Amino acid sequence: MGFDWIVIGNPLNDWFSAAFMAITFTVAVTGIKRLFRHRFAALAAGKANGYADLAAELIHRIHPLVTMLLAVYFGAFVLTLPPLANRILNVVVGMAVLIQVGVLTSRLINFYVEQYKRSKIETNAGAVTTISSGAVILRFIVWMVLLLVALDNLGIDITTLIAGLGIGGIAVALATQNILGDLFASLSIVLDKPFVVGDFIIVNDYLGSVERIGL
């Protein structure tokens, strides 16, 4: 078998080059992840601010499957793939990257909310309630934006979809009036702050301290 043999439309030499690029990318990314994770973990052991610990956690949360898919994607640059195979590869890699971005962004939001809660729980419990509920909405917005980007990557007309969701949303709102009523009631509590975390309240026969307020 010679290196000039054609395999699925590409010389065997190009396949070896693609495999070499993919393996090199995987080894390099894995090595960088381990280096920075250990470096940040060691830094976090000597500091109490938590940011180094966060960096180590974010690096650890980069899924090996995402690394592998990116390695295949970059390795495929030297190959001439059929249009369908190239489209499938782009879609799969794009979806994996978007999900990874969503996971890392959600963790960042949670981290800053936890930091804020720890610093304000004793002095401004009302602000803690607001920021906690706001974080839920922010995470929802992040995932919705990523979903729209993913759908656009699949070739779906986002403008038409959004218009359809607007019409369908009216029907859903009518069918879920009780749930929406509870949601708006929780938002009223968050904004008006009739009570906050740490307050002792009595409602009819129920009494106790408020431990958490959310949507």
N, C-alpha and C. Protein backbone atom coordinates (compact mmCIF):
# COMPACT_ATOMS: atom_id res chain seq x y z
N MET A 1 0.85 -1.20 0.00
CA MET A 1 0.00 0.00 0.00
C MET A 1 0.89 1.25 0.00
N GLY A 2 0.71 2.15 -0.94
CA GLY A 2 1.51 3.36 -1.00
C GLY A 2 0.76 4.54 -0.43
N PHE A 3 1.52 5.61 -0.18
CA PHE A 3 0.91 6.80 0.40
C PHE A 3 0.08 7.57 -0.62
N ASP A 4 0.20 7.19 -1.92
CA ASP A 4 -0.57 7.88 -2.94
C ASP A 4 -1.92 7.21 -3.20
N TRP A 5 -2.24 6.19 -2.45
CA TRP A 5 -3.53 5.54 -2.60
C TRP A 5 -4.64 6.52 -2.19
N ILE A 6 -5.77 6.45 -2.89
CA ILE A 6 -6.91 7.33 -2.61
C ILE A 6 -7.90 6.58 -1.71
N VAL A 7 -8.20 7.17 -0.55
CA VAL A 7 -9.16 6.59 0.39
C VAL A 7 -10.25 7.63 0.65
N ILE A 8 -11.48 7.32 0.24
CA ILE A 8 -12.63 8.22 0.39
C ILE A 8 -12.28 9.61 -0.16
N GLY A 9 -11.73 9.63 -1.34
CA GLY A 9 -11.48 10.88 -2.04
C GLY A 9 -10.24 11.63 -1.61
N ASN A 10 -9.42 11.07 -0.71
CA ASN A 10 -8.22 11.75 -0.23
C ASN A 10 -7.03 10.79 -0.24
N PRO A 11 -5.85 11.28 -0.61
CA PRO A 11 -4.66 10.43 -0.56
C PRO A 11 -4.41 9.94 0.87
N LEU A 12 -3.83 8.76 0.97
CA LEU A 12 -3.55 8.19 2.29
C LEU A 12 -2.64 9.10 3.11
N ASN A 13 -1.75 9.80 2.43
CA ASN A 13 -0.86 10.72 3.12
C ASN A 13 -1.64 11.84 3.82
N ASP A 14 -2.73 12.31 3.19
CA ASP A 14 -3.55 13.35 3.81
C ASP A 14 -4.27 12.82 5.05
N TRP A 15 -4.67 11.56 5.00
CA TRP A 15 -5.32 10.97 6.17
C TRP A 15 -4.34 10.89 7.34
N PHE A 16 -3.09 10.53 7.05
CA PHE A 16 -2.07 10.52 8.11
C PHE A 16 -1.83 11.92 8.66
N SER A 17 -1.82 12.91 7.76
CA SER A 17 -1.64 14.29 8.20
C SER A 17 -2.80 14.74 9.09
N ALA A 18 -4.03 14.38 8.69
CA ALA A 18 -5.20 14.74 9.48
C ALA A 18 -5.15 14.08 10.86
N ALA A 19 -4.78 12.79 10.88
CA ALA A 19 -4.68 12.09 12.17
C ALA A 19 -3.60 12.71 13.04
N PHE A 20 -2.49 13.09 12.44
CA PHE A 20 -1.40 13.71 13.21
C PHE A 20 -1.85 15.04 13.79
N MET A 21 -2.56 15.85 12.99
CA MET A 21 -3.06 17.14 13.50
C MET A 21 -4.06 16.94 14.63
N ALA A 22 -4.95 15.97 14.48
CA ALA A 22 -5.95 15.72 15.52
C ALA A 22 -5.30 15.25 16.82
N ILE A 23 -4.34 14.34 16.70
CA ILE A 23 -3.66 13.82 17.90
C ILE A 23 -2.84 14.93 18.56
N THR A 24 -2.14 15.73 17.74
CA THR A 24 -1.34 16.83 18.29
C THR A 24 -2.22 17.83 19.02
N PHE A 25 -3.37 18.16 18.43
CA PHE A 25 -4.30 19.10 19.06
C PHE A 25 -4.80 18.55 20.39
N THR A 26 -5.18 17.27 20.40
CA THR A 26 -5.70 16.65 21.63
C THR A 26 -4.65 16.64 22.73
N VAL A 27 -3.43 16.24 22.38
CA VAL A 27 -2.35 16.19 23.38
C VAL A 27 -2.04 17.59 23.90
N ALA A 28 -2.00 18.57 23.00
CA ALA A 28 -1.68 19.94 23.40
C ALA A 28 -2.75 20.51 24.34
N VAL A 29 -4.02 20.34 23.96
CA VAL A 29 -5.11 20.87 24.79
C VAL A 29 -5.15 20.16 26.14
N THR A 30 -4.99 18.84 26.14
CA THR A 30 -5.00 18.08 27.40
C THR A 30 -3.86 18.53 28.30
N GLY A 31 -2.67 18.72 27.71
CA GLY A 31 -1.53 19.19 28.51
C GLY A 31 -1.75 20.57 29.07
N ILE A 32 -2.30 21.48 28.25
CA ILE A 32 -2.58 22.84 28.73
C ILE A 32 -3.62 22.83 29.84
N LYS A 33 -4.67 22.00 29.67
CA LYS A 33 -5.70 21.90 30.71
C LYS A 33 -5.11 21.44 32.03
N ARG A 34 -4.27 20.41 31.98
CA ARG A 34 -3.66 19.89 33.22
C ARG A 34 -2.73 20.92 33.85
N LEU A 35 -1.94 21.59 33.00
CA LEU A 35 -1.00 22.58 33.51
C LEU A 35 -1.73 23.70 34.24
N PHE A 36 -2.73 24.29 33.57
CA PHE A 36 -3.45 25.41 34.17
C PHE A 36 -4.31 24.97 35.34
N ARG A 37 -4.88 23.75 35.27
CA ARG A 37 -5.70 23.28 36.38
C ARG A 37 -4.86 23.12 37.63
N HIS A 38 -3.68 22.50 37.49
CA HIS A 38 -2.80 22.33 38.66
C HIS A 38 -2.28 23.68 39.14
N ARG A 39 -1.97 24.58 38.19
CA ARG A 39 -1.46 25.90 38.57
C ARG A 39 -2.51 26.69 39.34
N PHE A 40 -3.74 26.70 38.84
CA PHE A 40 -4.81 27.43 39.51
C PHE A 40 -5.20 26.76 40.83
N ALA A 41 -5.17 25.43 40.85
CA ALA A 41 -5.49 24.72 42.09
C ALA A 41 -4.47 25.04 43.17
N ALA A 42 -3.19 25.10 42.80
CA ALA A 42 -2.16 25.45 43.77
C ALA A 42 -2.31 26.90 44.21
N LEU A 43 -2.69 27.77 43.28
CA LEU A 43 -2.89 29.17 43.63
C LEU A 43 -4.08 29.34 44.56
N ALA A 44 -5.14 28.57 44.30
CA ALA A 44 -6.34 28.65 45.13
C ALA A 44 -6.06 28.19 46.55
N ALA A 45 -5.11 27.27 46.72
CA ALA A 45 -4.79 26.77 48.06
C ALA A 45 -4.18 27.86 48.93
N GLY A 46 -3.60 28.88 48.30
CA GLY A 46 -2.97 29.93 49.08
C GLY A 46 -3.77 31.22 49.14
N LYS A 47 -4.93 31.23 48.49
CA LYS A 47 -5.76 32.44 48.48
C LYS A 47 -7.19 32.08 48.83
N ALA A 48 -7.91 33.06 49.37
CA ALA A 48 -9.28 32.81 49.82
C ALA A 48 -10.32 33.47 48.94
N ASN A 49 -9.90 34.11 47.81
CA ASN A 49 -10.89 34.84 47.01
C ASN A 49 -11.72 33.94 46.10
N GLY A 50 -11.27 32.72 45.84
CA GLY A 50 -12.05 31.76 45.09
C GLY A 50 -11.92 31.87 43.58
N TYR A 51 -11.30 32.93 43.05
CA TYR A 51 -11.22 33.09 41.60
C TYR A 51 -10.29 32.06 40.97
N ALA A 52 -9.20 31.76 41.62
CA ALA A 52 -8.31 30.72 41.10
C ALA A 52 -8.99 29.37 41.11
N ASP A 53 -9.75 29.14 42.17
CA ASP A 53 -10.52 27.89 42.27
C ASP A 53 -11.55 27.81 41.14
N LEU A 54 -12.18 28.94 40.84
CA LEU A 54 -13.16 28.99 39.75
C LEU A 54 -12.49 28.66 38.41
N ALA A 55 -11.32 29.26 38.18
CA ALA A 55 -10.60 29.01 36.93
C ALA A 55 -10.26 27.53 36.78
N ALA A 56 -9.80 26.92 37.88
CA ALA A 56 -9.48 25.49 37.85
C ALA A 56 -10.72 24.66 37.55
N GLU A 57 -11.85 25.05 38.14
CA GLU A 57 -13.10 24.31 37.90
C GLU A 57 -13.58 24.45 36.47
N LEU A 58 -13.49 25.67 35.92
CA LEU A 58 -13.92 25.89 34.54
C LEU A 58 -13.08 25.08 33.56
N ILE A 59 -11.78 25.05 33.80
CA ILE A 59 -10.90 24.25 32.94
C ILE A 59 -11.26 22.77 33.06
N HIS A 60 -11.55 22.33 34.28
CA HIS A 60 -11.92 20.93 34.49
C HIS A 60 -13.25 20.60 33.81
N ARG A 61 -14.13 21.59 33.69
CA ARG A 61 -15.45 21.36 33.10
C ARG A 61 -15.44 21.31 31.57
N ILE A 62 -14.30 21.60 30.96
CA ILE A 62 -14.21 21.44 29.50
C ILE A 62 -14.24 19.95 29.19
N HIS A 63 -15.32 19.50 28.58
CA HIS A 63 -15.54 18.07 28.41
C HIS A 63 -14.56 17.47 27.39
N PRO A 64 -14.03 16.28 27.68
CA PRO A 64 -13.11 15.63 26.73
C PRO A 64 -13.73 15.40 25.37
N LEU A 65 -15.05 15.17 25.31
CA LEU A 65 -15.71 14.97 24.03
C LEU A 65 -15.62 16.22 23.16
N VAL A 66 -15.73 17.40 23.77
CA VAL A 66 -15.60 18.65 23.02
C VAL A 66 -14.19 18.77 22.46
N THR A 67 -13.20 18.44 23.29
CA THR A 67 -11.81 18.46 22.82
C THR A 67 -11.61 17.51 21.64
N MET A 68 -12.17 16.32 21.75
CA MET A 68 -12.03 15.32 20.69
C MET A 68 -12.68 15.81 19.39
N LEU A 69 -13.90 16.37 19.50
CA LEU A 69 -14.59 16.86 18.31
C LEU A 69 -13.84 18.01 17.66
N LEU A 70 -13.27 18.90 18.46
CA LEU A 70 -12.48 19.99 17.90
C LEU A 70 -11.23 19.46 17.22
N ALA A 71 -10.63 18.42 17.79
CA ALA A 71 -9.45 17.80 17.18
C ALA A 71 -9.80 17.23 15.81
N VAL A 72 -10.92 16.54 15.72
CA VAL A 72 -11.38 16.00 14.43
C VAL A 72 -11.66 17.13 13.45
N TYR A 73 -12.27 18.19 13.95
CA TYR A 73 -12.62 19.33 13.09
C TYR A 73 -11.36 19.96 12.48
N PHE A 74 -10.35 20.22 13.32
CA PHE A 74 -9.12 20.83 12.81
C PHE A 74 -8.33 19.86 11.94
N GLY A 75 -8.38 18.57 12.29
CA GLY A 75 -7.71 17.58 11.46
C GLY A 75 -8.32 17.48 10.08
N ALA A 76 -9.62 17.72 9.98
CA ALA A 76 -10.32 17.61 8.70
C ALA A 76 -10.00 18.75 7.75
N PHE A 77 -9.28 19.77 8.22
CA PHE A 77 -8.92 20.88 7.35
C PHE A 77 -8.08 20.43 6.15
N VAL A 78 -7.28 19.39 6.34
CA VAL A 78 -6.39 18.94 5.26
C VAL A 78 -7.09 17.94 4.34
N LEU A 79 -8.34 17.62 4.62
CA LEU A 79 -9.07 16.63 3.84
C LEU A 79 -10.14 17.31 2.99
N THR A 80 -10.50 16.64 1.91
CA THR A 80 -11.62 17.07 1.08
C THR A 80 -12.77 16.10 1.34
N LEU A 81 -13.71 16.53 2.18
CA LEU A 81 -14.81 15.67 2.57
C LEU A 81 -16.03 15.92 1.68
N PRO A 82 -16.89 14.92 1.55
CA PRO A 82 -18.15 15.13 0.83
C PRO A 82 -18.97 16.21 1.51
N PRO A 83 -19.74 16.98 0.76
CA PRO A 83 -20.52 18.08 1.36
C PRO A 83 -21.38 17.65 2.55
N LEU A 84 -22.02 16.48 2.46
CA LEU A 84 -22.87 16.02 3.56
C LEU A 84 -22.05 15.75 4.81
N ALA A 85 -20.91 15.06 4.64
CA ALA A 85 -20.05 14.75 5.79
C ALA A 85 -19.50 16.03 6.41
N ASN A 86 -19.12 17.00 5.57
CA ASN A 86 -18.61 18.27 6.06
C ASN A 86 -19.69 19.03 6.83
N ARG A 87 -20.92 18.99 6.33
CA ARG A 87 -22.04 19.66 7.00
C ARG A 87 -22.33 19.03 8.35
N ILE A 88 -22.35 17.70 8.40
CA ILE A 88 -22.61 17.00 9.65
C ILE A 88 -21.53 17.31 10.68
N LEU A 89 -20.27 17.32 10.23
CA LEU A 89 -19.16 17.62 11.15
C LEU A 89 -19.30 19.03 11.71
N ASN A 90 -19.61 19.99 10.85
CA ASN A 90 -19.76 21.38 11.31
C ASN A 90 -20.91 21.52 12.31
N VAL A 91 -22.02 20.85 12.05
CA VAL A 91 -23.18 20.94 12.94
C VAL A 91 -22.87 20.30 14.29
N VAL A 92 -22.27 19.11 14.28
CA VAL A 92 -21.98 18.40 15.53
C VAL A 92 -20.99 19.19 16.38
N VAL A 93 -19.93 19.68 15.75
CA VAL A 93 -18.93 20.46 16.49
C VAL A 93 -19.55 21.76 17.01
N GLY A 94 -20.35 22.42 16.18
CA GLY A 94 -21.00 23.65 16.61
C GLY A 94 -21.91 23.44 17.81
N MET A 95 -22.70 22.37 17.78
CA MET A 95 -23.60 22.05 18.90
C MET A 95 -22.81 21.78 20.18
N ALA A 96 -21.74 21.00 20.05
CA ALA A 96 -20.92 20.66 21.22
C ALA A 96 -20.31 21.91 21.84
N VAL A 97 -19.81 22.81 21.00
CA VAL A 97 -19.19 24.04 21.50
C VAL A 97 -20.24 24.93 22.18
N LEU A 98 -21.43 25.03 21.59
CA LEU A 98 -22.48 25.85 22.18
C LEU A 98 -22.91 25.32 23.55
N ILE A 99 -23.06 24.00 23.65
CA ILE A 99 -23.42 23.41 24.94
C ILE A 99 -22.34 23.66 25.97
N GLN A 100 -21.07 23.53 25.54
CA GLN A 100 -19.96 23.78 26.46
C GLN A 100 -19.95 25.23 26.92
N VAL A 101 -20.20 26.15 26.01
CA VAL A 101 -20.27 27.57 26.37
C VAL A 101 -21.40 27.81 27.37
N GLY A 102 -22.55 27.16 27.15
CA GLY A 102 -23.67 27.30 28.08
C GLY A 102 -23.34 26.80 29.47
N VAL A 103 -22.67 25.66 29.55
CA VAL A 103 -22.30 25.08 30.85
C VAL A 103 -21.33 26.01 31.59
N LEU A 104 -20.32 26.51 30.89
CA LEU A 104 -19.32 27.38 31.52
C LEU A 104 -19.94 28.72 31.93
N THR A 105 -20.80 29.26 31.07
CA THR A 105 -21.44 30.54 31.40
C THR A 105 -22.37 30.40 32.60
N SER A 106 -23.12 29.32 32.68
CA SER A 106 -24.00 29.08 33.83
C SER A 106 -23.20 28.98 35.11
N ARG A 107 -22.04 28.32 35.04
CA ARG A 107 -21.21 28.20 36.25
C ARG A 107 -20.66 29.56 36.66
N LEU A 108 -20.30 30.39 35.67
CA LEU A 108 -19.82 31.73 35.99
C LEU A 108 -20.90 32.55 36.68
N ILE A 109 -22.12 32.47 36.17
CA ILE A 109 -23.23 33.20 36.78
C ILE A 109 -23.44 32.72 38.21
N ASN A 110 -23.45 31.40 38.42
CA ASN A 110 -23.64 30.85 39.77
C ASN A 110 -22.54 31.32 40.71
N PHE A 111 -21.31 31.36 40.21
CA PHE A 111 -20.18 31.77 41.05
C PHE A 111 -20.36 33.20 41.54
N TYR A 112 -20.67 34.11 40.62
CA TYR A 112 -20.80 35.51 41.01
C TYR A 112 -22.02 35.74 41.91
N VAL A 113 -23.07 34.97 41.70
CA VAL A 113 -24.23 35.07 42.58
C VAL A 113 -23.86 34.59 43.99
N GLU A 114 -23.13 33.48 44.09
CA GLU A 114 -22.71 32.97 45.40
C GLU A 114 -21.79 33.96 46.10
N GLN A 115 -20.87 34.56 45.34
CA GLN A 115 -19.97 35.57 45.92
C GLN A 115 -20.76 36.76 46.45
N TYR A 116 -21.74 37.21 45.66
CA TYR A 116 -22.54 38.37 46.07
C TYR A 116 -23.38 38.04 47.31
N LYS A 117 -23.95 36.84 47.32
CA LYS A 117 -24.78 36.45 48.46
C LYS A 117 -23.97 36.39 49.74
N ARG A 118 -22.76 35.85 49.66
CA ARG A 118 -21.92 35.76 50.85
C ARG A 118 -21.53 37.14 51.38
N SER A 119 -21.35 38.10 50.46
CA SER A 119 -20.91 39.42 50.89
C SER A 119 -22.06 40.31 51.37
N LYS A 120 -23.31 40.00 50.93
CA LYS A 120 -24.43 40.89 51.22
C LYS A 120 -25.50 40.29 52.14
N ILE A 121 -25.40 38.98 52.45
CA ILE A 121 -26.47 38.33 53.19
C ILE A 121 -26.69 38.96 54.56
N GLU A 122 -25.65 39.47 55.19
CA GLU A 122 -25.78 40.05 56.52
C GLU A 122 -26.25 41.50 56.48
N THR A 123 -25.94 42.20 55.39
CA THR A 123 -26.23 43.64 55.35
C THR A 123 -27.40 44.01 54.44
N ASN A 124 -27.66 43.19 53.41
CA ASN A 124 -28.70 43.55 52.44
C ASN A 124 -29.35 42.28 51.90
N ALA A 125 -30.19 41.67 52.73
CA ALA A 125 -30.83 40.41 52.35
C ALA A 125 -31.79 40.60 51.17
N GLY A 126 -32.37 41.79 51.04
CA GLY A 126 -33.27 42.05 49.93
C GLY A 126 -32.55 42.00 48.59
N ALA A 127 -31.34 42.54 48.54
CA ALA A 127 -30.55 42.50 47.31
C ALA A 127 -30.19 41.07 46.95
N VAL A 128 -29.96 40.24 47.96
CA VAL A 128 -29.64 38.83 47.73
C VAL A 128 -30.81 38.14 47.05
N THR A 129 -32.02 38.43 47.52
CA THR A 129 -33.22 37.85 46.91
C THR A 129 -33.35 38.25 45.44
N THR A 130 -33.12 39.53 45.17
CA THR A 130 -33.24 40.04 43.80
C THR A 130 -32.20 39.42 42.88
N ILE A 131 -30.95 39.38 43.33
CA ILE A 131 -29.88 38.85 42.48
C ILE A 131 -30.05 37.36 42.24
N SER A 132 -30.58 36.63 43.21
CA SER A 132 -30.79 35.19 43.03
C SER A 132 -31.84 34.93 41.96
N SER A 133 -32.93 35.68 42.02
CA SER A 133 -33.98 35.52 41.01
C SER A 133 -33.50 36.02 39.64
N GLY A 134 -32.74 37.11 39.65
CA GLY A 134 -32.20 37.63 38.39
C GLY A 134 -31.26 36.64 37.73
N ALA A 135 -30.53 35.88 38.55
CA ALA A 135 -29.60 34.89 37.99
C ALA A 135 -30.34 33.80 37.23
N VAL A 136 -31.51 33.40 37.75
CA VAL A 136 -32.33 32.39 37.07
C VAL A 136 -32.75 32.90 35.69
N ILE A 137 -33.20 34.16 35.65
CA ILE A 137 -33.63 34.75 34.38
C ILE A 137 -32.45 34.88 33.43
N LEU A 138 -31.29 35.28 33.96
CA LEU A 138 -30.11 35.45 33.12
C LEU A 138 -29.65 34.13 32.51
N ARG A 139 -29.68 33.06 33.32
CA ARG A 139 -29.31 31.74 32.79
C ARG A 139 -30.28 31.30 31.70
N PHE A 140 -31.56 31.59 31.91
CA PHE A 140 -32.57 31.26 30.91
C PHE A 140 -32.30 32.00 29.60
N ILE A 141 -31.96 33.29 29.70
CA ILE A 141 -31.68 34.08 28.51
C ILE A 141 -30.45 33.53 27.77
N VAL A 142 -29.41 33.18 28.54
CA VAL A 142 -28.19 32.63 27.94
C VAL A 142 -28.50 31.37 27.13
N TRP A 143 -29.26 30.45 27.74
CA TRP A 143 -29.56 29.20 27.05
C TRP A 143 -30.50 29.43 25.86
N MET A 144 -31.40 30.40 25.96
CA MET A 144 -32.29 30.71 24.84
C MET A 144 -31.49 31.27 23.66
N VAL A 145 -30.53 32.15 23.95
CA VAL A 145 -29.68 32.70 22.89
C VAL A 145 -28.87 31.59 22.23
N LEU A 146 -28.30 30.71 23.04
CA LEU A 146 -27.52 29.60 22.49
C LEU A 146 -28.40 28.67 21.67
N LEU A 147 -29.66 28.47 22.13
CA LEU A 147 -30.58 27.63 21.36
C LEU A 147 -30.88 28.25 20.00
N LEU A 148 -31.10 29.56 19.97
CA LEU A 148 -31.37 30.23 18.70
C LEU A 148 -30.17 30.15 17.77
N VAL A 149 -28.96 30.30 18.33
CA VAL A 149 -27.76 30.17 17.51
C VAL A 149 -27.63 28.75 16.96
N ALA A 150 -27.97 27.76 17.79
CA ALA A 150 -27.90 26.36 17.35
C ALA A 150 -28.91 26.10 16.23
N LEU A 151 -30.11 26.63 16.38
CA LEU A 151 -31.13 26.45 15.34
C LEU A 151 -30.71 27.13 14.04
N ASP A 152 -30.10 28.30 14.16
CA ASP A 152 -29.60 29.00 12.98
C ASP A 152 -28.50 28.18 12.30
N ASN A 153 -27.67 27.52 13.13
CA ASN A 153 -26.60 26.66 12.60
C ASN A 153 -27.19 25.46 11.85
N LEU A 154 -28.39 25.05 12.23
CA LEU A 154 -29.06 23.94 11.56
C LEU A 154 -29.78 24.37 10.29
N GLY A 155 -29.77 25.68 10.03
CA GLY A 155 -30.41 26.18 8.82
C GLY A 155 -31.86 26.56 8.99
N ILE A 156 -32.33 26.66 10.22
CA ILE A 156 -33.72 27.02 10.48
C ILE A 156 -33.86 28.54 10.47
N ASP A 157 -34.91 29.03 9.83
CA ASP A 157 -35.17 30.47 9.76
C ASP A 157 -35.61 30.97 11.14
N ILE A 158 -34.72 31.68 11.81
CA ILE A 158 -34.98 32.15 13.18
C ILE A 158 -36.11 33.18 13.21
N THR A 159 -36.15 34.06 12.20
CA THR A 159 -37.18 35.11 12.19
C THR A 159 -38.58 34.51 12.15
N THR A 160 -38.77 33.53 11.28
CA THR A 160 -40.08 32.87 11.19
C THR A 160 -40.39 32.13 12.48
N LEU A 161 -39.38 31.49 13.05
CA LEU A 161 -39.57 30.74 14.30
C LEU A 161 -40.00 31.65 15.44
N ILE A 162 -39.33 32.79 15.56
CA ILE A 162 -39.67 33.73 16.64
C ILE A 162 -41.09 34.25 16.47
N ALA A 163 -41.48 34.54 15.22
CA ALA A 163 -42.85 35.00 14.97
C ALA A 163 -43.86 33.92 15.34
N GLY A 164 -43.54 32.68 15.00
CA GLY A 164 -44.43 31.57 15.36
C GLY A 164 -44.52 31.37 16.86
N LEU A 165 -43.38 31.55 17.55
CA LEU A 165 -43.38 31.41 19.01
C LEU A 165 -44.21 32.50 19.67
N GLY A 166 -44.20 33.70 19.05
CA GLY A 166 -45.00 34.80 19.59
C GLY A 166 -46.48 34.48 19.54
N ILE A 167 -46.92 33.91 18.43
CA ILE A 167 -48.34 33.53 18.32
C ILE A 167 -48.65 32.36 19.24
N GLY A 168 -47.76 31.36 19.24
CA GLY A 168 -47.98 30.20 20.11
C GLY A 168 -47.90 30.56 21.57
N GLY A 169 -47.10 31.60 21.89
CA GLY A 169 -46.96 32.01 23.28
C GLY A 169 -48.26 32.51 23.87
N ILE A 170 -49.09 33.13 23.04
CA ILE A 170 -50.39 33.61 23.53
C ILE A 170 -51.26 32.43 23.96
N ALA A 171 -51.25 31.37 23.14
CA ALA A 171 -52.04 30.18 23.48
C ALA A 171 -51.51 29.52 24.74
N VAL A 172 -50.19 29.44 24.86
CA VAL A 172 -49.59 28.84 26.05
C VAL A 172 -49.93 29.66 27.29
N ALA A 173 -49.88 30.99 27.16
CA ALA A 173 -50.19 31.87 28.29
C ALA A 173 -51.62 31.66 28.78
N LEU A 174 -52.55 31.50 27.84
CA LEU A 174 -53.94 31.27 28.21
C LEU A 174 -54.11 29.92 28.89
N ALA A 175 -53.32 28.93 28.47
CA ALA A 175 -53.45 27.58 29.03
C ALA A 175 -52.74 27.43 30.38
N THR A 176 -51.86 28.36 30.69
CA THR A 176 -51.08 28.24 31.94
C THR A 176 -51.26 29.48 32.81
N GLN A 177 -52.48 29.97 32.91
CA GLN A 177 -52.73 31.19 33.67
C GLN A 177 -52.34 31.04 35.14
N ASN A 178 -52.65 29.88 35.74
CA ASN A 178 -52.34 29.70 37.16
C ASN A 178 -50.84 29.69 37.41
N ILE A 179 -50.10 29.00 36.52
CA ILE A 179 -48.65 28.95 36.68
C ILE A 179 -48.05 30.34 36.51
N LEU A 180 -48.51 31.07 35.50
CA LEU A 180 -48.01 32.42 35.28
C LEU A 180 -48.38 33.34 36.44
N GLY A 181 -49.57 33.11 37.03
CA GLY A 181 -49.96 33.91 38.19
C GLY A 181 -48.99 33.70 39.35
N ASP A 182 -48.60 32.45 39.57
CA ASP A 182 -47.61 32.16 40.62
C ASP A 182 -46.26 32.80 40.30
N LEU A 183 -45.88 32.77 39.02
CA LEU A 183 -44.61 33.35 38.61
C LEU A 183 -44.59 34.85 38.86
N PHE A 184 -45.66 35.53 38.47
CA PHE A 184 -45.71 36.97 38.69
C PHE A 184 -45.81 37.31 40.18
N ALA A 185 -46.45 36.43 40.95
CA ALA A 185 -46.50 36.65 42.40
C ALA A 185 -45.10 36.55 42.99
N SER A 186 -44.30 35.58 42.51
CA SER A 186 -42.93 35.45 43.03
C SER A 186 -42.09 36.66 42.63
N LEU A 187 -42.30 37.17 41.40
CA LEU A 187 -41.58 38.36 40.98
C LEU A 187 -41.98 39.57 41.82
N SER A 188 -43.25 39.62 42.21
CA SER A 188 -43.71 40.72 43.07
C SER A 188 -43.00 40.68 44.42
N ILE A 189 -42.82 39.46 44.96
CA ILE A 189 -42.11 39.32 46.23
C ILE A 189 -40.66 39.76 46.07
N VAL A 190 -40.05 39.39 44.94
CA VAL A 190 -38.65 39.75 44.70
C VAL A 190 -38.48 41.25 44.59
N LEU A 191 -39.41 41.92 43.89
CA LEU A 191 -39.27 43.36 43.64
C LEU A 191 -39.75 44.22 44.81
N ASP A 192 -40.89 43.84 45.41
CA ASP A 192 -41.45 44.64 46.51
C ASP A 192 -40.78 44.35 47.85
N LYS A 193 -40.22 43.15 48.00
CA LYS A 193 -39.51 42.74 49.21
C LYS A 193 -40.37 42.90 50.48
N PRO A 194 -41.56 42.29 50.53
CA PRO A 194 -42.33 42.33 51.78
C PRO A 194 -41.62 41.57 52.90
N PHE A 195 -40.78 40.63 52.52
CA PHE A 195 -39.90 39.94 53.48
C PHE A 195 -38.67 39.50 52.71
N VAL A 196 -37.57 39.28 53.45
CA VAL A 196 -36.30 38.90 52.83
C VAL A 196 -35.74 37.69 53.56
N VAL A 197 -34.66 37.14 53.00
CA VAL A 197 -34.02 35.98 53.63
C VAL A 197 -33.56 36.35 55.05
N GLY A 198 -33.91 35.52 56.00
CA GLY A 198 -33.55 35.76 57.40
C GLY A 198 -34.69 36.30 58.24
N ASP A 199 -35.74 36.81 57.60
CA ASP A 199 -36.90 37.33 58.35
C ASP A 199 -37.69 36.18 58.98
N PHE A 200 -38.28 36.46 60.13
CA PHE A 200 -39.19 35.51 60.77
C PHE A 200 -40.61 35.98 60.49
N ILE A 201 -41.40 35.13 59.81
CA ILE A 201 -42.75 35.54 59.41
C ILE A 201 -43.78 34.52 59.88
N ILE A 202 -45.01 35.00 59.99
CA ILE A 202 -46.14 34.15 60.37
C ILE A 202 -47.25 34.35 59.34
N VAL A 203 -47.69 33.26 58.71
CA VAL A 203 -48.79 33.30 57.74
C VAL A 203 -49.82 32.27 58.17
N ASN A 204 -50.97 32.77 58.67
CA ASN A 204 -52.01 31.90 59.22
C ASN A 204 -51.42 31.01 60.32
N ASP A 205 -51.45 29.69 60.11
CA ASP A 205 -50.93 28.77 61.12
C ASP A 205 -49.47 28.41 60.89
N TYR A 206 -48.83 29.00 59.89
CA TYR A 206 -47.44 28.66 59.55
C TYR A 206 -46.51 29.77 60.03
N LEU A 207 -45.39 29.38 60.60
CA LEU A 207 -44.41 30.37 61.03
C LEU A 207 -43.01 29.79 60.89
N GLY A 208 -42.06 30.67 60.66
CA GLY A 208 -40.67 30.22 60.52
C GLY A 208 -39.82 31.30 59.90
N SER A 209 -38.52 30.98 59.76
CA SER A 209 -37.57 31.91 59.18
C SER A 209 -37.44 31.65 57.67
N VAL A 210 -37.33 32.72 56.92
CA VAL A 210 -37.19 32.62 55.47
C VAL A 210 -35.74 32.21 55.15
N GLU A 211 -35.59 31.07 54.50
CA GLU A 211 -34.26 30.57 54.14
C GLU A 211 -33.93 30.82 52.68
N ARG A 212 -34.93 30.86 51.82
CA ARG A 212 -34.67 31.04 50.39
C ARG A 212 -35.91 31.62 49.72
N ILE A 213 -35.68 32.54 48.77
CA ILE A 213 -36.75 33.10 47.95
C ILE A 213 -36.34 32.97 46.50
N GLY A 214 -37.14 32.30 45.71
CA GLY A 214 -36.79 32.09 44.30
C GLY A 214 -38.02 32.07 43.43
N LEU A 215 -37.81 31.84 42.14
CA LEU A 215 -38.92 31.83 41.21
C LEU A 215 -39.67 30.50 41.24
